[in-house]
Amino acid sequence: MKNKTVTILISAIGGYGYYYLKSLFEDYSENKIKIVGVIDPQAEKSDLYTEVVKRKIPVFDEIEDFYNQNGKADLAIIVSPIQYHVQQSCIALQNGSNVLCDKPIGGSIIEAKIIIQTQKEYKKWIMIGYQWSFSKAIQDLKKDILSGIFGKPIRFKTLCFWPRGFDYYNRNNWAGKIKDKNGN
């Protein structure tokens, strides 16, 4: 398993998924990973689309299209808008892929429970990605906690304020909305 090439399916390469894909292209050799598909109905709008085409990576509008064409991936990276996290993660798990889903896991506790149940049923793993998890500040805090600088942990709670301007909320039709256009 150590020398196995990991096959990867990635969604939404025009938004935050762009950075995942860029890192995969730049930081990993093709003998370590193979990107076997992109899920994005507007992939051509991504600045990496030309590279996707050059590398002959198949592009699909929907995740079902990839799996319905006998697509197989060791890892599905789900970076779609939040309203698709549960559906796409569950489909990937049901089709034998492990999942790295961008935060949050879903739009509600019920959705999170659906993913957890699917993960248990299909015996694959799912991890939730968060861009600050491996930042220097978070890793320094973790080191301090593990060294006991704050004493023995009983419970930790954090509150993070991240200012967002109007550009952030106006970049698409779902950012900052309670429900999507379908009422989800």
N, C-alpha and C. Protein backbone atom coordinates (compact mmCIF):
# COMPACT_ATOMS: atom_id res chain seq x y z
N MET A 1 0.83 -1.20 0.00
CA MET A 1 0.00 0.00 0.00
C MET A 1 0.87 1.26 0.00
N LYS A 2 2.06 1.18 0.55
CA LYS A 2 2.93 2.34 0.67
C LYS A 2 3.27 2.96 -0.69
N ASN A 3 3.45 2.16 -1.71
CA ASN A 3 3.83 2.67 -3.02
C ASN A 3 2.66 2.79 -3.98
N LYS A 4 1.45 2.59 -3.49
CA LYS A 4 0.26 2.63 -4.34
C LYS A 4 -0.03 4.07 -4.79
N THR A 5 -0.40 4.23 -6.03
CA THR A 5 -0.86 5.52 -6.53
C THR A 5 -2.29 5.72 -6.05
N VAL A 6 -2.55 6.83 -5.39
CA VAL A 6 -3.88 7.14 -4.86
C VAL A 6 -4.70 7.83 -5.94
N THR A 7 -5.87 7.27 -6.23
CA THR A 7 -6.76 7.88 -7.22
C THR A 7 -7.70 8.86 -6.53
N ILE A 8 -7.87 10.02 -7.15
CA ILE A 8 -8.61 11.12 -6.52
C ILE A 8 -9.67 11.68 -7.46
N LEU A 9 -10.85 11.86 -6.89
CA LEU A 9 -11.96 12.57 -7.53
C LEU A 9 -12.13 13.88 -6.77
N ILE A 10 -12.26 15.00 -7.47
CA ILE A 10 -12.40 16.28 -6.79
C ILE A 10 -13.58 17.05 -7.34
N SER A 11 -14.29 17.73 -6.44
CA SER A 11 -15.45 18.52 -6.87
C SER A 11 -15.16 20.02 -6.75
N ALA A 12 -15.87 20.78 -7.55
CA ALA A 12 -15.91 22.24 -7.45
C ALA A 12 -14.54 22.91 -7.55
N ILE A 13 -13.96 22.88 -8.73
CA ILE A 13 -12.61 23.41 -8.92
C ILE A 13 -12.57 24.91 -9.19
N GLY A 14 -13.72 25.55 -9.18
CA GLY A 14 -13.75 26.99 -9.42
C GLY A 14 -13.70 27.80 -8.14
N GLY A 15 -14.08 27.21 -7.03
CA GLY A 15 -14.07 27.91 -5.75
C GLY A 15 -12.86 27.50 -4.93
N TYR A 16 -13.11 27.12 -3.68
CA TYR A 16 -12.02 26.71 -2.80
C TYR A 16 -11.34 25.44 -3.32
N GLY A 17 -12.07 24.63 -4.07
CA GLY A 17 -11.49 23.43 -4.67
C GLY A 17 -10.32 23.74 -5.59
N TYR A 18 -10.31 24.95 -6.12
CA TYR A 18 -9.18 25.40 -6.95
C TYR A 18 -7.86 25.20 -6.20
N TYR A 19 -7.84 25.55 -4.91
CA TYR A 19 -6.61 25.48 -4.12
C TYR A 19 -6.21 24.03 -3.84
N TYR A 20 -7.19 23.17 -3.61
CA TYR A 20 -6.89 21.75 -3.46
C TYR A 20 -6.26 21.22 -4.75
N LEU A 21 -6.91 21.51 -5.86
CA LEU A 21 -6.43 21.00 -7.15
C LEU A 21 -5.06 21.58 -7.50
N LYS A 22 -4.88 22.85 -7.26
CA LYS A 22 -3.58 23.50 -7.52
C LYS A 22 -2.49 22.80 -6.71
N SER A 23 -2.75 22.53 -5.45
CA SER A 23 -1.78 21.84 -4.61
C SER A 23 -1.50 20.43 -5.12
N LEU A 24 -2.54 19.73 -5.53
CA LEU A 24 -2.36 18.38 -6.08
C LEU A 24 -1.49 18.42 -7.33
N PHE A 25 -1.73 19.39 -8.19
CA PHE A 25 -0.94 19.52 -9.42
C PHE A 25 0.52 19.87 -9.11
N GLU A 26 0.72 20.79 -8.17
CA GLU A 26 2.06 21.33 -7.93
C GLU A 26 2.89 20.51 -6.94
N ASP A 27 2.25 19.89 -5.97
CA ASP A 27 2.99 19.30 -4.86
C ASP A 27 3.11 17.77 -4.89
N TYR A 28 2.42 17.12 -5.82
CA TYR A 28 2.43 15.65 -5.84
C TYR A 28 2.75 15.15 -7.24
N SER A 29 3.62 14.18 -7.30
CA SER A 29 3.97 13.61 -8.60
C SER A 29 2.88 12.63 -9.04
N GLU A 30 2.82 12.41 -10.33
CA GLU A 30 1.79 11.54 -10.90
C GLU A 30 1.98 10.08 -10.52
N ASN A 31 3.14 9.70 -9.97
CA ASN A 31 3.28 8.33 -9.50
C ASN A 31 2.76 8.18 -8.06
N LYS A 32 2.45 9.29 -7.40
CA LYS A 32 1.87 9.26 -6.06
C LYS A 32 0.34 9.38 -6.09
N ILE A 33 -0.15 10.26 -6.98
CA ILE A 33 -1.59 10.47 -7.10
C ILE A 33 -2.00 10.48 -8.57
N LYS A 34 -3.25 10.14 -8.80
CA LYS A 34 -3.82 10.26 -10.14
C LYS A 34 -5.22 10.85 -9.97
N ILE A 35 -5.44 12.00 -10.57
CA ILE A 35 -6.76 12.61 -10.51
C ILE A 35 -7.59 11.96 -11.61
N VAL A 36 -8.64 11.25 -11.19
CA VAL A 36 -9.43 10.45 -12.12
C VAL A 36 -10.73 11.13 -12.54
N GLY A 37 -11.04 12.27 -11.95
CA GLY A 37 -12.25 12.97 -12.34
C GLY A 37 -12.41 14.28 -11.60
N VAL A 38 -13.12 15.18 -12.27
CA VAL A 38 -13.51 16.47 -11.70
C VAL A 38 -15.03 16.54 -11.78
N ILE A 39 -15.66 16.95 -10.68
CA ILE A 39 -17.11 17.14 -10.64
C ILE A 39 -17.36 18.64 -10.55
N ASP A 40 -17.88 19.23 -11.60
CA ASP A 40 -18.14 20.67 -11.59
C ASP A 40 -18.92 21.04 -12.84
N PRO A 41 -20.17 21.48 -12.70
CA PRO A 41 -20.96 21.85 -13.87
C PRO A 41 -20.44 23.11 -14.58
N GLN A 42 -19.53 23.82 -13.94
CA GLN A 42 -18.95 25.02 -14.54
C GLN A 42 -17.42 24.96 -14.50
N ALA A 43 -16.88 23.78 -14.72
CA ALA A 43 -15.43 23.58 -14.63
C ALA A 43 -14.66 24.52 -15.54
N GLU A 44 -15.23 24.84 -16.69
CA GLU A 44 -14.52 25.69 -17.66
C GLU A 44 -14.26 27.09 -17.11
N LYS A 45 -14.93 27.49 -16.04
CA LYS A 45 -14.70 28.81 -15.44
C LYS A 45 -13.48 28.82 -14.51
N SER A 46 -12.96 27.64 -14.16
CA SER A 46 -11.80 27.55 -13.28
C SER A 46 -10.54 27.94 -14.02
N ASP A 47 -9.65 28.62 -13.33
CA ASP A 47 -8.35 28.97 -13.91
C ASP A 47 -7.49 27.74 -14.16
N LEU A 48 -7.88 26.60 -13.61
CA LEU A 48 -7.13 25.36 -13.82
C LEU A 48 -7.75 24.46 -14.90
N TYR A 49 -8.81 24.92 -15.51
CA TYR A 49 -9.51 24.09 -16.49
C TYR A 49 -8.59 23.68 -17.65
N THR A 50 -7.79 24.58 -18.14
CA THR A 50 -6.87 24.27 -19.24
C THR A 50 -5.94 23.12 -18.84
N GLU A 51 -5.47 23.16 -17.61
CA GLU A 51 -4.58 22.10 -17.12
C GLU A 51 -5.33 20.78 -16.98
N VAL A 52 -6.58 20.84 -16.54
CA VAL A 52 -7.42 19.64 -16.44
C VAL A 52 -7.57 18.99 -17.81
N VAL A 53 -7.87 19.80 -18.82
CA VAL A 53 -8.02 19.30 -20.19
C VAL A 53 -6.69 18.75 -20.70
N LYS A 54 -5.62 19.47 -20.46
CA LYS A 54 -4.28 19.05 -20.90
C LYS A 54 -3.93 17.67 -20.33
N ARG A 55 -4.30 17.45 -19.08
CA ARG A 55 -3.99 16.18 -18.41
C ARG A 55 -5.03 15.09 -18.72
N LYS A 56 -6.02 15.44 -19.55
CA LYS A 56 -7.07 14.49 -19.95
C LYS A 56 -7.85 13.94 -18.77
N ILE A 57 -8.14 14.81 -17.80
CA ILE A 57 -8.92 14.42 -16.64
C ILE A 57 -10.39 14.58 -17.01
N PRO A 58 -11.18 13.52 -16.89
CA PRO A 58 -12.60 13.62 -17.23
C PRO A 58 -13.35 14.59 -16.31
N VAL A 59 -14.26 15.35 -16.88
CA VAL A 59 -15.06 16.32 -16.14
C VAL A 59 -16.52 15.89 -16.20
N PHE A 60 -17.18 15.92 -15.07
CA PHE A 60 -18.59 15.52 -14.96
C PHE A 60 -19.37 16.62 -14.28
N ASP A 61 -20.62 16.80 -14.69
CA ASP A 61 -21.49 17.79 -14.05
C ASP A 61 -21.90 17.34 -12.65
N GLU A 62 -22.18 16.06 -12.50
CA GLU A 62 -22.69 15.50 -11.25
C GLU A 62 -21.83 14.34 -10.79
N ILE A 63 -21.73 14.13 -9.49
CA ILE A 63 -20.93 13.03 -8.95
C ILE A 63 -21.48 11.67 -9.38
N GLU A 64 -22.79 11.59 -9.53
CA GLU A 64 -23.39 10.33 -9.99
C GLU A 64 -22.89 9.94 -11.38
N ASP A 65 -22.65 10.93 -12.23
CA ASP A 65 -22.17 10.66 -13.58
C ASP A 65 -20.82 9.94 -13.55
N PHE A 66 -19.94 10.36 -12.65
CA PHE A 66 -18.63 9.72 -12.52
C PHE A 66 -18.80 8.25 -12.13
N TYR A 67 -19.55 8.00 -11.06
CA TYR A 67 -19.70 6.63 -10.58
C TYR A 67 -20.55 5.77 -11.52
N ASN A 68 -21.54 6.36 -12.18
CA ASN A 68 -22.37 5.61 -13.13
C ASN A 68 -21.58 5.15 -14.35
N GLN A 69 -20.46 5.80 -14.62
CA GLN A 69 -19.60 5.38 -15.73
C GLN A 69 -18.46 4.50 -15.21
N ASN A 70 -18.75 3.78 -14.12
CA ASN A 70 -17.79 2.86 -13.48
C ASN A 70 -16.54 3.57 -12.98
N GLY A 71 -16.67 4.83 -12.63
CA GLY A 71 -15.54 5.54 -12.05
C GLY A 71 -15.21 5.00 -10.67
N LYS A 72 -13.93 4.92 -10.38
CA LYS A 72 -13.44 4.46 -9.08
C LYS A 72 -12.42 5.48 -8.59
N ALA A 73 -12.50 5.80 -7.30
CA ALA A 73 -11.54 6.73 -6.70
C ALA A 73 -11.28 6.29 -5.26
N ASP A 74 -10.01 6.26 -4.89
CA ASP A 74 -9.67 5.97 -3.49
C ASP A 74 -10.17 7.08 -2.59
N LEU A 75 -10.09 8.32 -3.08
CA LEU A 75 -10.44 9.49 -2.30
C LEU A 75 -11.29 10.44 -3.12
N ALA A 76 -12.40 10.88 -2.54
CA ALA A 76 -13.22 11.94 -3.13
C ALA A 76 -13.03 13.18 -2.27
N ILE A 77 -12.60 14.27 -2.90
CA ILE A 77 -12.44 15.54 -2.19
C ILE A 77 -13.66 16.39 -2.53
N ILE A 78 -14.49 16.64 -1.52
CA ILE A 78 -15.74 17.36 -1.71
C ILE A 78 -15.55 18.81 -1.24
N VAL A 79 -15.52 19.72 -2.20
CA VAL A 79 -15.31 21.13 -1.90
C VAL A 79 -16.44 21.96 -2.52
N SER A 80 -17.55 21.31 -2.76
CA SER A 80 -18.72 21.95 -3.36
C SER A 80 -19.37 22.90 -2.36
N PRO A 81 -20.34 23.70 -2.81
CA PRO A 81 -21.11 24.49 -1.87
C PRO A 81 -21.73 23.60 -0.79
N ILE A 82 -21.92 24.14 0.39
CA ILE A 82 -22.36 23.40 1.56
C ILE A 82 -23.58 22.53 1.30
N GLN A 83 -24.53 23.01 0.52
CA GLN A 83 -25.76 22.24 0.30
C GLN A 83 -25.53 20.93 -0.43
N TYR A 84 -24.33 20.72 -0.99
CA TYR A 84 -24.02 19.47 -1.69
C TYR A 84 -23.12 18.53 -0.88
N HIS A 85 -22.62 18.98 0.25
CA HIS A 85 -21.68 18.17 1.03
C HIS A 85 -22.23 16.80 1.39
N VAL A 86 -23.44 16.76 1.92
CA VAL A 86 -24.02 15.48 2.37
C VAL A 86 -24.26 14.55 1.19
N GLN A 87 -24.96 15.03 0.18
CA GLN A 87 -25.29 14.20 -0.97
C GLN A 87 -24.02 13.66 -1.63
N GLN A 88 -23.08 14.52 -1.93
CA GLN A 88 -21.87 14.08 -2.63
C GLN A 88 -21.00 13.17 -1.76
N SER A 89 -20.90 13.48 -0.48
CA SER A 89 -20.11 12.63 0.42
C SER A 89 -20.72 11.24 0.54
N CYS A 90 -22.03 11.18 0.69
CA CYS A 90 -22.70 9.87 0.81
C CYS A 90 -22.57 9.05 -0.47
N ILE A 91 -22.72 9.70 -1.61
CA ILE A 91 -22.58 8.97 -2.89
C ILE A 91 -21.16 8.43 -3.03
N ALA A 92 -20.17 9.23 -2.66
CA ALA A 92 -18.78 8.77 -2.73
C ALA A 92 -18.56 7.58 -1.79
N LEU A 93 -19.02 7.68 -0.56
CA LEU A 93 -18.88 6.58 0.40
C LEU A 93 -19.57 5.31 -0.10
N GLN A 94 -20.78 5.46 -0.63
CA GLN A 94 -21.54 4.32 -1.14
C GLN A 94 -20.86 3.65 -2.32
N ASN A 95 -20.00 4.38 -3.01
CA ASN A 95 -19.31 3.84 -4.17
C ASN A 95 -17.86 3.46 -3.88
N GLY A 96 -17.53 3.33 -2.60
CA GLY A 96 -16.22 2.81 -2.22
C GLY A 96 -15.10 3.81 -2.08
N SER A 97 -15.41 5.10 -2.09
CA SER A 97 -14.38 6.12 -1.94
C SER A 97 -14.34 6.60 -0.49
N ASN A 98 -13.13 6.86 0.01
CA ASN A 98 -12.98 7.60 1.25
C ASN A 98 -13.24 9.06 0.90
N VAL A 99 -13.52 9.89 1.91
CA VAL A 99 -13.93 11.26 1.62
C VAL A 99 -13.18 12.27 2.49
N LEU A 100 -12.70 13.32 1.83
CA LEU A 100 -12.24 14.53 2.50
C LEU A 100 -13.24 15.60 2.11
N CYS A 101 -14.08 16.01 3.06
CA CYS A 101 -15.13 17.00 2.80
C CYS A 101 -14.72 18.31 3.46
N ASP A 102 -14.81 19.39 2.71
CA ASP A 102 -14.51 20.69 3.28
C ASP A 102 -15.55 21.02 4.34
N LYS A 103 -15.18 21.85 5.28
CA LYS A 103 -16.11 22.25 6.34
C LYS A 103 -17.24 23.08 5.79
N PRO A 104 -18.40 23.07 6.39
CA PRO A 104 -18.84 22.16 7.44
C PRO A 104 -19.29 20.84 6.84
N ILE A 105 -19.49 19.86 7.70
CA ILE A 105 -19.91 18.53 7.25
C ILE A 105 -21.26 18.61 6.52
N GLY A 106 -22.11 19.52 6.94
CA GLY A 106 -23.42 19.70 6.31
C GLY A 106 -24.08 20.94 6.88
N GLY A 107 -25.32 21.12 6.51
CA GLY A 107 -26.05 22.31 6.95
C GLY A 107 -26.79 22.14 8.27
N SER A 108 -26.80 20.91 8.82
CA SER A 108 -27.54 20.67 10.06
C SER A 108 -26.99 19.43 10.76
N ILE A 109 -27.38 19.26 12.00
CA ILE A 109 -26.99 18.07 12.77
C ILE A 109 -27.56 16.82 12.11
N ILE A 110 -28.78 16.90 11.61
CA ILE A 110 -29.41 15.74 10.94
C ILE A 110 -28.56 15.32 9.75
N GLU A 111 -28.09 16.28 8.96
CA GLU A 111 -27.25 15.95 7.81
C GLU A 111 -25.93 15.31 8.25
N ALA A 112 -25.35 15.84 9.32
CA ALA A 112 -24.11 15.24 9.84
C ALA A 112 -24.35 13.79 10.24
N LYS A 113 -25.47 13.51 10.85
CA LYS A 113 -25.79 12.14 11.27
C LYS A 113 -25.98 11.23 10.06
N ILE A 114 -26.52 11.76 8.98
CA ILE A 114 -26.70 10.96 7.74
C ILE A 114 -25.33 10.54 7.21
N ILE A 115 -24.39 11.46 7.17
CA ILE A 115 -23.05 11.14 6.68
C ILE A 115 -22.38 10.12 7.60
N ILE A 116 -22.50 10.32 8.90
CA ILE A 116 -21.87 9.40 9.86
C ILE A 116 -22.45 8.00 9.70
N GLN A 117 -23.76 7.89 9.55
CA GLN A 117 -24.40 6.59 9.36
C GLN A 117 -23.94 5.93 8.06
N THR A 118 -23.85 6.72 7.00
CA THR A 118 -23.40 6.19 5.71
C THR A 118 -21.95 5.70 5.82
N GLN A 119 -21.13 6.48 6.49
CA GLN A 119 -19.71 6.11 6.68
C GLN A 119 -19.62 4.79 7.43
N LYS A 120 -20.40 4.63 8.47
CA LYS A 120 -20.37 3.39 9.25
C LYS A 120 -20.86 2.21 8.41
N GLU A 121 -21.93 2.42 7.65
CA GLU A 121 -22.50 1.36 6.84
C GLU A 121 -21.55 0.88 5.75
N TYR A 122 -20.84 1.80 5.12
CA TYR A 122 -19.98 1.45 3.99
C TYR A 122 -18.51 1.27 4.39
N LYS A 123 -18.22 1.48 5.67
CA LYS A 123 -16.90 1.21 6.24
C LYS A 123 -15.76 1.92 5.51
N LYS A 124 -15.99 3.14 5.14
CA LYS A 124 -14.96 4.00 4.57
C LYS A 124 -14.77 5.16 5.55
N TRP A 125 -13.72 5.93 5.39
CA TRP A 125 -13.54 7.04 6.30
C TRP A 125 -13.94 8.36 5.65
N ILE A 126 -14.31 9.30 6.51
CA ILE A 126 -14.60 10.66 6.08
C ILE A 126 -13.90 11.60 7.05
N MET A 127 -13.22 12.58 6.49
CA MET A 127 -12.53 13.59 7.27
C MET A 127 -13.08 14.95 6.84
N ILE A 128 -13.08 15.89 7.77
CA ILE A 128 -13.56 17.24 7.47
C ILE A 128 -12.36 18.17 7.43
N GLY A 129 -12.18 18.82 6.27
CA GLY A 129 -11.05 19.72 6.08
C GLY A 129 -11.38 21.13 6.54
N TYR A 130 -10.40 21.78 7.09
CA TYR A 130 -10.54 23.17 7.52
C TYR A 130 -9.20 23.85 7.30
N GLN A 131 -9.17 24.95 6.58
CA GLN A 131 -7.92 25.55 6.15
C GLN A 131 -7.02 26.00 7.30
N TRP A 132 -7.55 26.20 8.48
CA TRP A 132 -6.71 26.63 9.58
C TRP A 132 -6.14 25.46 10.39
N SER A 133 -6.59 24.25 10.15
CA SER A 133 -6.18 23.11 10.97
C SER A 133 -4.67 22.96 11.06
N PHE A 134 -3.97 23.25 10.00
CA PHE A 134 -2.53 23.05 9.99
C PHE A 134 -1.76 24.36 9.89
N SER A 135 -2.43 25.45 10.27
CA SER A 135 -1.75 26.74 10.29
C SER A 135 -0.75 26.76 11.45
N LYS A 136 0.23 27.62 11.38
CA LYS A 136 1.23 27.72 12.44
C LYS A 136 0.56 28.03 13.78
N ALA A 137 -0.38 28.95 13.79
CA ALA A 137 -1.03 29.33 15.06
C ALA A 137 -1.75 28.14 15.70
N ILE A 138 -2.50 27.38 14.92
CA ILE A 138 -3.23 26.23 15.46
C ILE A 138 -2.27 25.13 15.90
N GLN A 139 -1.24 24.89 15.11
CA GLN A 139 -0.25 23.86 15.48
C GLN A 139 0.52 24.28 16.73
N ASP A 140 0.83 25.57 16.89
CA ASP A 140 1.49 26.05 18.12
C ASP A 140 0.57 25.87 19.32
N LEU A 141 -0.71 26.18 19.16
CA LEU A 141 -1.67 25.99 20.24
C LEU A 141 -1.77 24.52 20.62
N LYS A 142 -1.83 23.65 19.64
CA LYS A 142 -1.89 22.21 19.90
C LYS A 142 -0.66 21.75 20.70
N LYS A 143 0.49 22.24 20.29
CA LYS A 143 1.74 21.90 20.98
C LYS A 143 1.67 22.35 22.45
N ASP A 144 1.17 23.56 22.69
CA ASP A 144 1.04 24.07 24.05
C ASP A 144 0.07 23.23 24.87
N ILE A 145 -1.04 22.85 24.26
CA ILE A 145 -2.03 22.02 24.96
C ILE A 145 -1.42 20.67 25.33
N LEU A 146 -0.77 20.04 24.36
CA LEU A 146 -0.17 18.72 24.61
C LEU A 146 0.95 18.77 25.63
N SER A 147 1.66 19.89 25.71
CA SER A 147 2.76 20.01 26.67
C SER A 147 2.25 20.32 28.08
N GLY A 148 0.96 20.65 28.20
CA GLY A 148 0.39 20.92 29.52
C GLY A 148 0.51 22.35 29.97
N ILE A 149 0.87 23.25 29.09
CA ILE A 149 1.06 24.66 29.46
C ILE A 149 -0.21 25.28 30.09
N PHE A 150 -1.37 24.78 29.70
CA PHE A 150 -2.64 25.29 30.24
C PHE A 150 -3.18 24.40 31.36
N GLY A 151 -2.43 23.39 31.75
CA GLY A 151 -2.92 22.42 32.72
C GLY A 151 -3.61 21.27 31.98
N LYS A 152 -4.23 20.39 32.75
CA LYS A 152 -4.92 19.25 32.16
C LYS A 152 -6.21 19.72 31.49
N PRO A 153 -6.36 19.42 30.19
CA PRO A 153 -7.58 19.85 29.50
C PRO A 153 -8.82 19.16 30.07
N ILE A 154 -9.83 19.94 30.32
CA ILE A 154 -11.14 19.41 30.71
C ILE A 154 -12.10 19.61 29.56
N ARG A 155 -12.09 20.83 29.04
CA ARG A 155 -12.93 21.15 27.88
C ARG A 155 -12.36 22.41 27.24
N PHE A 156 -12.38 22.41 25.91
CA PHE A 156 -11.96 23.60 25.17
C PHE A 156 -13.11 24.08 24.32
N LYS A 157 -13.18 25.37 24.19
CA LYS A 157 -14.20 25.98 23.34
C LYS A 157 -13.53 27.17 22.66
N THR A 158 -13.89 27.37 21.41
CA THR A 158 -13.30 28.49 20.69
C THR A 158 -14.39 29.30 20.00
N LEU A 159 -14.12 30.56 19.85
CA LEU A 159 -15.01 31.45 19.11
C LEU A 159 -14.10 32.25 18.20
N CYS A 160 -14.33 32.16 16.92
CA CYS A 160 -13.48 32.82 15.95
C CYS A 160 -14.32 33.79 15.14
N PHE A 161 -13.90 35.03 15.10
CA PHE A 161 -14.57 36.03 14.28
C PHE A 161 -13.73 36.26 13.04
N TRP A 162 -14.35 36.07 11.91
CA TRP A 162 -13.65 36.21 10.64
C TRP A 162 -14.44 37.20 9.81
N PRO A 163 -13.99 38.43 9.72
CA PRO A 163 -14.77 39.45 9.01
C PRO A 163 -14.92 39.14 7.53
N ARG A 164 -16.10 39.33 7.04
CA ARG A 164 -16.39 39.11 5.62
C ARG A 164 -17.05 40.38 5.08
N GLY A 165 -16.58 40.81 3.93
CA GLY A 165 -17.17 41.98 3.29
C GLY A 165 -18.29 41.58 2.34
N PHE A 166 -18.91 42.55 1.74
CA PHE A 166 -20.02 42.29 0.82
C PHE A 166 -19.59 41.45 -0.38
N ASP A 167 -18.34 41.62 -0.83
CA ASP A 167 -17.85 40.82 -1.96
C ASP A 167 -17.94 39.33 -1.67
N TYR A 168 -17.65 38.95 -0.44
CA TYR A 168 -17.70 37.52 -0.06
C TYR A 168 -19.13 36.99 -0.23
N TYR A 169 -20.10 37.73 0.26
CA TYR A 169 -21.49 37.26 0.23
C TYR A 169 -22.16 37.43 -1.13
N ASN A 170 -21.61 38.26 -1.97
CA ASN A 170 -22.19 38.49 -3.29
C ASN A 170 -21.49 37.70 -4.40
N ARG A 171 -20.54 36.83 -4.04
CA ARG A 171 -19.77 36.09 -5.05
C ARG A 171 -20.58 34.99 -5.72
N ASN A 172 -21.67 34.54 -5.10
CA ASN A 172 -22.53 33.52 -5.68
C ASN A 172 -23.92 33.64 -5.06
N ASN A 173 -24.83 32.74 -5.42
CA ASN A 173 -26.21 32.87 -4.92
C ASN A 173 -26.48 32.04 -3.67
N TRP A 174 -25.44 31.50 -3.03
CA TRP A 174 -25.69 30.71 -1.81
C TRP A 174 -24.87 31.16 -0.60
N ALA A 175 -23.77 31.89 -0.79
CA ALA A 175 -22.92 32.28 0.35
C ALA A 175 -23.70 33.14 1.33
N GLY A 176 -23.67 32.74 2.59
CA GLY A 176 -24.32 33.51 3.64
C GLY A 176 -25.83 33.36 3.69
N LYS A 177 -26.38 32.49 2.91
CA LYS A 177 -27.84 32.30 2.89
C LYS A 177 -28.23 31.19 3.88
N ILE A 178 -29.39 31.32 4.46
CA ILE A 178 -29.91 30.29 5.36
C ILE A 178 -30.36 29.08 4.54
N LYS A 179 -30.95 29.32 3.39
CA LYS A 179 -31.44 28.24 2.52
C LYS A 179 -31.00 28.51 1.09
N ASP A 180 -30.85 27.41 0.33
CA ASP A 180 -30.55 27.58 -1.09
C ASP A 180 -31.86 27.81 -1.85
N LYS A 181 -31.77 27.97 -3.17
CA LYS A 181 -32.95 28.29 -3.97
C LYS A 181 -34.01 27.19 -3.94
N ASN A 182 -33.61 25.96 -3.54
CA ASN A 182 -34.55 24.84 -3.43
C ASN A 182 -35.12 24.68 -2.03
N GLY A 183 -34.74 25.58 -1.12
CA GLY A 183 -35.26 25.52 0.24
C GLY A 183 -34.45 24.63 1.17
N ASN A 184 -33.31 24.14 0.72
CA ASN A 184 -32.46 23.30 1.59
C ASN A 184 -31.66 24.19 2.55
